[in-house]
Protein backbone atom coordinates (compact mmCIF):
# COMPACT_ATOMS: atom_id res chain seq x y z
CA MET A 1 -52.99 -57.56 -114.64
CA ILE A 2 -50.48 -59.05 -112.23
CA GLU A 3 -48.80 -62.49 -112.57
CA THR A 4 -46.84 -64.70 -110.34
CA TYR A 5 -45.10 -68.00 -110.59
CA ARG A 6 -48.10 -70.09 -110.94
CA LEU A 7 -50.68 -66.73 -111.21
CA ARG A 8 -52.02 -64.60 -112.63
CA ILE A 9 -53.94 -61.66 -110.85
CA GLN A 10 -56.31 -59.81 -112.75
CA PRO A 11 -58.38 -56.57 -111.93
CA LEU A 12 -62.16 -56.88 -113.45
CA SER A 13 -64.22 -54.05 -115.12
CA TYR A 14 -67.05 -52.37 -114.68
CA ASP A 15 -69.32 -55.32 -117.13
CA GLN A 16 -66.95 -57.80 -115.75
CA LEU A 17 -68.48 -57.32 -112.83
CA LEU A 18 -71.36 -57.95 -112.99
CA LYS A 19 -70.78 -60.85 -114.78
CA TYR A 20 -69.02 -62.25 -112.03
CA ILE A 21 -72.38 -61.97 -109.52
CA GLN A 22 -74.60 -63.44 -112.53
CA ASN A 23 -72.36 -66.49 -111.30
CA ASP A 24 -73.62 -68.28 -114.78
CA GLN A 25 -69.50 -68.69 -116.05
CA SER A 26 -70.53 -65.37 -118.48
CA LEU A 27 -67.52 -63.87 -117.01
CA GLU A 28 -64.92 -66.94 -117.29
CA ARG A 29 -66.43 -67.23 -120.89
CA GLU A 30 -65.15 -63.81 -121.40
CA LEU A 31 -61.25 -64.87 -120.02
CA GLN A 32 -61.28 -67.69 -121.94
CA LEU A 33 -60.89 -70.03 -119.17
CA ASN A 34 -62.02 -73.66 -117.38
CA ASP A 35 -65.10 -73.09 -115.48
CA SER A 36 -64.96 -72.23 -111.91
CA THR A 37 -67.60 -73.43 -108.26
CA ARG A 38 -67.60 -70.20 -106.78
CA ASN A 39 -69.57 -69.38 -103.51
CA ILE A 40 -70.96 -65.53 -103.60
CA SER A 41 -71.18 -65.43 -100.08
CA PRO A 42 -74.19 -63.12 -99.15
CA GLU A 43 -71.96 -60.08 -97.30
CA LEU A 44 -69.29 -60.34 -101.01
CA LYS A 45 -72.31 -59.85 -102.20
CA GLU A 46 -73.72 -56.87 -100.46
CA ALA A 47 -70.29 -55.06 -100.96
CA LEU A 48 -69.55 -55.81 -105.13
CA GLU A 49 -73.71 -53.91 -105.58
CA GLN A 50 -73.21 -51.17 -102.50
CA THR A 51 -69.98 -51.08 -103.42
CA ILE A 52 -67.61 -52.09 -105.03
CA LEU A 53 -69.79 -51.59 -108.72
CA PRO A 54 -70.70 -47.48 -107.58
CA ASN A 55 -66.83 -47.19 -106.74
CA VAL A 56 -65.64 -48.07 -109.69
CA ALA A 57 -68.23 -47.27 -111.83
CA ARG A 58 -67.33 -43.50 -110.62
CA SER A 59 -64.91 -41.30 -112.49
CA GLY A 60 -61.83 -40.09 -111.30
CA HIS A 61 -60.20 -41.88 -109.16
CA ASN A 62 -58.06 -45.23 -109.68
CA TYR A 63 -60.66 -48.19 -110.24
CA LEU A 64 -58.15 -50.88 -109.28
CA TYR A 65 -57.99 -49.59 -105.71
CA SER A 66 -61.80 -50.20 -105.83
CA THR A 67 -62.26 -53.05 -107.54
CA LEU A 68 -62.41 -57.07 -107.24
CA TRP A 69 -59.36 -59.20 -108.92
CA THR A 70 -59.60 -62.00 -109.41
CA ILE A 71 -57.05 -64.71 -109.05
CA ILE A 72 -56.49 -67.52 -112.09
CA ASP A 73 -54.45 -70.33 -111.23
CA LEU A 74 -52.57 -71.04 -114.84
CA ALA A 75 -51.80 -74.38 -114.57
CA LYS A 76 -56.00 -74.56 -114.36
CA ASN A 77 -56.39 -71.68 -116.77
CA GLN A 78 -59.63 -71.22 -113.03
CA MET A 79 -60.65 -68.99 -111.12
CA VAL A 80 -59.32 -70.49 -107.67
CA ALA A 81 -60.34 -67.09 -105.44
CA ASP A 82 -60.68 -63.36 -105.49
CA LEU A 83 -58.89 -59.96 -103.34
CA CYS A 84 -59.63 -56.27 -102.99
CA PHE A 85 -58.09 -53.04 -102.33
CA VAL A 86 -61.11 -51.00 -100.87
CA GLY A 87 -60.91 -47.86 -101.53
CA GLU A 88 -58.18 -45.78 -102.86
CA PRO A 89 -54.83 -44.58 -100.25
CA ASP A 90 -55.96 -42.34 -97.57
CA GLN A 91 -53.87 -39.27 -96.65
CA ASN A 92 -51.36 -41.49 -94.74
CA GLY A 93 -50.11 -43.85 -97.59
CA GLN A 94 -52.59 -47.25 -96.45
CA ILE A 95 -54.81 -49.06 -98.23
CA GLU A 96 -56.91 -51.85 -96.97
CA ILE A 97 -57.26 -55.78 -98.90
CA GLY A 98 -59.54 -58.34 -98.22
CA PHE A 99 -59.16 -61.19 -99.73
CA GLY A 100 -60.94 -65.12 -100.19
CA THR A 101 -60.06 -68.51 -101.67
CA TYR A 102 -62.79 -70.49 -102.85
CA GLU A 103 -64.08 -73.54 -100.98
CA GLN A 104 -62.04 -76.09 -103.59
CA HIS A 105 -59.11 -74.75 -103.72
CA GLN A 106 -57.93 -73.58 -100.37
CA GLY A 107 -54.79 -75.28 -98.83
CA HIS A 108 -52.74 -74.98 -101.85
CA GLY A 109 -51.00 -71.39 -101.11
CA TYR A 110 -53.03 -70.07 -103.94
CA MET A 111 -53.75 -66.33 -101.25
CA THR A 112 -50.70 -66.35 -100.25
CA GLU A 113 -48.84 -65.80 -102.80
CA ALA A 114 -51.50 -63.33 -104.02
CA VAL A 115 -51.10 -61.23 -101.07
CA GLY A 116 -47.09 -61.60 -102.19
CA GLY A 117 -47.45 -61.02 -106.01
CA MET A 118 -50.41 -58.23 -104.60
CA VAL A 119 -47.43 -56.61 -101.80
CA LYS A 120 -45.26 -56.14 -104.86
CA TRP A 121 -47.90 -53.88 -106.82
CA ALA A 122 -48.25 -52.05 -104.03
CA GLN A 123 -44.75 -50.90 -102.99
CA THR A 124 -44.81 -49.64 -106.66
CA GLN A 125 -47.31 -46.73 -106.17
CA PRO A 126 -45.48 -44.06 -104.66
CA GLU A 127 -49.38 -43.07 -102.83
CA VAL A 128 -48.80 -46.46 -101.13
CA LYS A 129 -47.17 -46.66 -97.77
CA CYS A 130 -48.86 -49.37 -96.03
CA ILE A 131 -51.25 -51.95 -96.45
CA TYR A 132 -53.63 -52.50 -93.07
CA ALA A 133 -55.70 -56.36 -93.07
CA GLU A 134 -58.66 -57.82 -90.76
CA THR A 135 -58.28 -60.91 -89.96
CA ALA A 136 -61.42 -62.46 -86.95
CA GLU A 137 -58.88 -63.71 -84.66
CA ASP A 138 -60.08 -67.89 -85.38
CA ASN A 139 -59.33 -67.25 -88.69
CA PHE A 140 -56.26 -69.13 -88.73
CA ALA A 141 -55.46 -69.55 -92.73
CA SER A 142 -56.02 -65.70 -93.11
CA MET A 143 -53.71 -64.80 -90.53
CA SER A 144 -50.75 -67.77 -91.88
CA VAL A 145 -51.39 -65.79 -95.34
CA LEU A 146 -50.46 -61.92 -93.78
CA GLN A 147 -48.31 -63.68 -91.46
CA LYS A 148 -46.10 -65.86 -94.22
CA ASN A 149 -45.94 -61.84 -96.40
CA GLY A 150 -44.14 -59.95 -93.73
CA PHE A 151 -47.93 -58.32 -92.40
CA VAL A 152 -47.06 -57.69 -88.22
CA GLN A 153 -50.49 -57.59 -86.04
CA LEU A 154 -51.59 -54.13 -84.52
CA SER A 155 -54.62 -55.48 -82.03
CA LYS A 156 -56.75 -57.65 -80.68
CA VAL A 157 -60.75 -56.38 -80.18
CA ASP A 158 -63.81 -57.93 -79.84
CA GLY A 159 -62.58 -61.00 -81.72
CA MET A 160 -61.05 -58.92 -84.96
CA CYS A 161 -56.92 -59.70 -85.13
CA SER A 162 -56.44 -55.86 -87.36
CA TRP A 163 -52.87 -56.29 -89.55
CA ARG A 164 -50.39 -53.88 -91.05
CA LEU A 165 -47.72 -53.87 -92.88
CA GLU A 166 -45.21 -51.14 -93.88
CA TRP A 167 -42.56 -50.33 -96.39
């Protein structure tokens, strides 16, 4: 678990991921949070079922690089966003990050703060040397989050921008 000024960023266990997918407030009850409204996109649902859940269930690796981390506003005691790493560090020490803020909570700086917290956590992991991200070239909010956290744009190809933060 990671805490920032306004947020708690909590990795979800396998059973918590199942409750997340159910989207019936059972996860909020388990975490003792106020109810939240989240829309699980078809892409996220597929990623959860096809990649995240199987990787979290797999033994012998660090599930923190595979699970969904929920972002909780401490003042509201409510889930407001999610992020994840896309697997363990590669041979160059690179991990990929993905993130999204629930629609009704966008524009409050949650993701900028959360990504900053995750960057600080990643920098304490000896096997991690850099973080990679991709955004659509018209996703200005995500590009702003990355820029504010020191990511540098590497390229723009077929409508997608790639970003990296190295240390």
